[in-house]
Amino acid sequence: MKLASLRLDTACWLSIILETFFYGVYTIIFVAGASIFFNPSTRGRIPLLIAVPSLLLYLNASAHVVTTVVHGANGFIRIASQGQVDGAINYFATTVNGVNMCVLRVVLPYASLTAWLAILVQTTASTS
């Protein structure tokens, strides 16, 4: 099967499934990291410069999944229930999930930059 022969509604459905799966994996990783952060024996070793960006990235991922599911529900439930032929495909072809675009272009680079700067500060502090 060629990738070009994949219908747009099928691609959107697969993206929703994969995004929710990887969000679940990321939730497990985030909970494990939060349990390490809030553990009394490691409280002083993990700085807020790493904890705050990881919380921002988790909130970012949560917002991304919520808006993707809402966008998919609009296409698959509301538009498809109107009985139009290829209504969902036309909906996905003509709409852009604006919140996801804002998150991808504004929030994610800032949080990633903050996380990398925190790692850089930690490595330079530990070597000197």
Protein backbone atom coordinates (compact mmCIF):
# COMPACT_ATOMS: atom_id res chain seq x y z
CA MET A 1 0.00 0.00 0.00
CA LYS A 2 1.45 3.31 -1.04
CA LEU A 3 1.37 6.14 1.45
CA ALA A 4 -0.30 8.37 -1.15
CA SER A 5 -3.24 5.97 -1.30
CA LEU A 6 -3.98 6.44 2.40
CA ARG A 7 -7.23 8.35 2.74
CA LEU A 8 -7.22 11.52 4.80
CA ASP A 9 -9.88 10.32 7.23
CA THR A 10 -7.92 7.09 7.80
CA ALA A 11 -4.75 9.08 8.42
CA CYS A 12 -6.54 11.29 10.95
CA TRP A 13 -7.98 8.25 12.71
CA LEU A 14 -4.53 6.64 12.90
CA SER A 15 -3.01 9.87 14.22
CA ILE A 16 -5.59 10.02 17.02
CA ILE A 17 -4.88 6.41 18.00
CA LEU A 18 -1.09 6.84 17.92
CA GLU A 19 -1.17 10.17 19.76
CA THR A 20 -3.30 8.79 22.58
CA PHE A 21 -1.07 5.70 22.83
CA PHE A 22 2.13 7.76 23.08
CA TYR A 23 0.41 10.18 25.47
CA GLY A 24 -0.24 7.21 27.74
CA VAL A 25 3.41 6.19 27.55
CA TYR A 26 4.46 9.78 28.28
CA THR A 27 2.05 9.89 31.24
CA ILE A 28 3.72 6.83 32.75
CA ILE A 29 7.16 8.42 32.29
CA PHE A 30 5.94 11.72 33.76
CA VAL A 31 4.41 10.03 36.82
CA ALA A 32 7.65 8.10 37.37
CA GLY A 33 9.65 11.32 37.14
CA ALA A 34 7.26 13.15 39.46
CA SER A 35 7.51 10.36 42.01
CA ILE A 36 11.30 10.71 41.94
CA PHE A 37 11.02 14.48 42.27
CA PHE A 38 8.66 14.30 45.26
CA ASN A 39 10.61 11.51 46.97
CA PRO A 40 12.08 12.94 50.20
CA SER A 41 15.45 11.24 49.65
CA THR A 42 15.99 13.00 46.28
CA ARG A 43 14.38 16.33 47.07
CA GLY A 44 17.54 18.45 46.97
CA ARG A 45 19.19 16.75 43.99
CA ILE A 46 16.63 17.50 41.26
CA PRO A 47 16.34 21.25 40.66
CA LEU A 48 13.22 23.14 39.71
CA LEU A 49 14.94 24.06 36.44
CA ILE A 50 14.22 20.52 35.26
CA ALA A 51 10.91 19.91 37.07
CA VAL A 52 9.12 23.01 35.78
CA PRO A 53 9.86 22.47 32.06
CA SER A 54 8.86 18.83 32.35
CA LEU A 55 5.54 19.92 33.87
CA LEU A 56 5.09 22.45 31.05
CA LEU A 57 5.82 19.79 28.44
CA TYR A 58 3.29 17.44 30.05
CA LEU A 59 0.63 20.16 30.06
CA ASN A 60 1.53 20.88 26.45
CA ALA A 61 1.08 17.22 25.52
CA SER A 62 -2.24 17.14 27.36
CA ALA A 63 -3.53 20.18 25.49
CA HIS A 64 -2.35 18.69 22.20
CA VAL A 65 -4.17 15.40 22.76
CA VAL A 66 -7.38 17.11 23.90
CA THR A 67 -7.51 19.40 20.87
CA THR A 68 -6.72 16.52 18.52
CA VAL A 69 -9.53 14.40 19.94
CA VAL A 70 -11.98 17.31 19.73
CA HIS A 71 -10.90 18.01 16.13
CA GLY A 72 -11.35 14.34 15.27
CA ALA A 73 -14.73 14.19 16.99
CA ASN A 74 -15.91 17.16 14.95
CA GLY A 75 -14.86 15.46 11.74
CA PHE A 76 -15.94 11.92 12.50
CA ILE A 77 -19.09 12.49 14.54
CA ARG A 78 -20.59 15.89 13.77
CA ILE A 79 -19.67 16.22 10.10
CA ALA A 80 -20.00 12.54 9.18
CA SER A 81 -23.43 12.29 10.82
CA GLN A 82 -24.79 14.91 8.40
CA GLY A 83 -24.74 12.29 5.65
CA GLN A 84 -22.42 14.07 3.24
CA VAL A 85 -20.32 11.94 0.94
CA ASP A 86 -16.69 12.34 2.06
CA GLY A 87 -17.76 14.99 4.57
CA ALA A 88 -15.04 14.03 7.03
CA ILE A 89 -12.36 14.15 4.33
CA ASN A 90 -13.49 17.61 3.24
CA TYR A 91 -13.54 18.77 6.86
CA PHE A 92 -10.01 17.56 7.58
CA ALA A 93 -8.73 18.95 4.27
CA THR A 94 -10.09 22.45 4.91
CA THR A 95 -9.53 22.89 8.65
CA VAL A 96 -6.38 23.34 10.66
CA ASN A 97 -6.27 22.65 14.36
CA GLY A 98 -5.23 26.17 15.41
CA VAL A 99 -4.49 25.37 19.04
CA ASN A 100 -2.08 22.63 18.02
CA MET A 101 -0.32 24.99 15.63
CA CYS A 102 0.10 27.55 18.42
CA VAL A 103 1.38 24.89 20.80
CA LEU A 104 3.85 23.53 18.25
CA ARG A 105 5.21 26.94 17.25
CA VAL A 106 5.23 28.83 20.56
CA VAL A 107 5.00 26.70 23.70
CA LEU A 108 6.99 23.63 22.71
CA PRO A 109 10.17 25.41 21.55
CA TYR A 110 10.19 27.57 24.70
CA ALA A 111 9.78 24.58 27.03
CA SER A 112 12.38 22.57 25.12
CA LEU A 113 14.84 25.46 25.25
CA THR A 114 14.27 25.81 28.99
CA ALA A 115 14.86 22.10 29.52
CA TRP A 116 18.08 22.13 27.48
CA LEU A 117 19.35 25.20 29.33
CA ALA A 118 18.65 23.49 32.64
CA ILE A 119 20.61 20.43 31.54
CA LEU A 120 23.45 22.65 30.33
CA VAL A 121 23.54 24.49 33.69
CA GLN A 122 23.61 21.18 35.56
CA THR A 123 26.42 19.72 33.49
CA THR A 124 28.58 22.85 33.71
CA ALA A 125 27.96 23.10 37.44
CA SER A 126 28.91 19.47 38.02
CA THR A 127 32.13 19.72 36.02
CA SER A 128 33.42 22.82 37.78
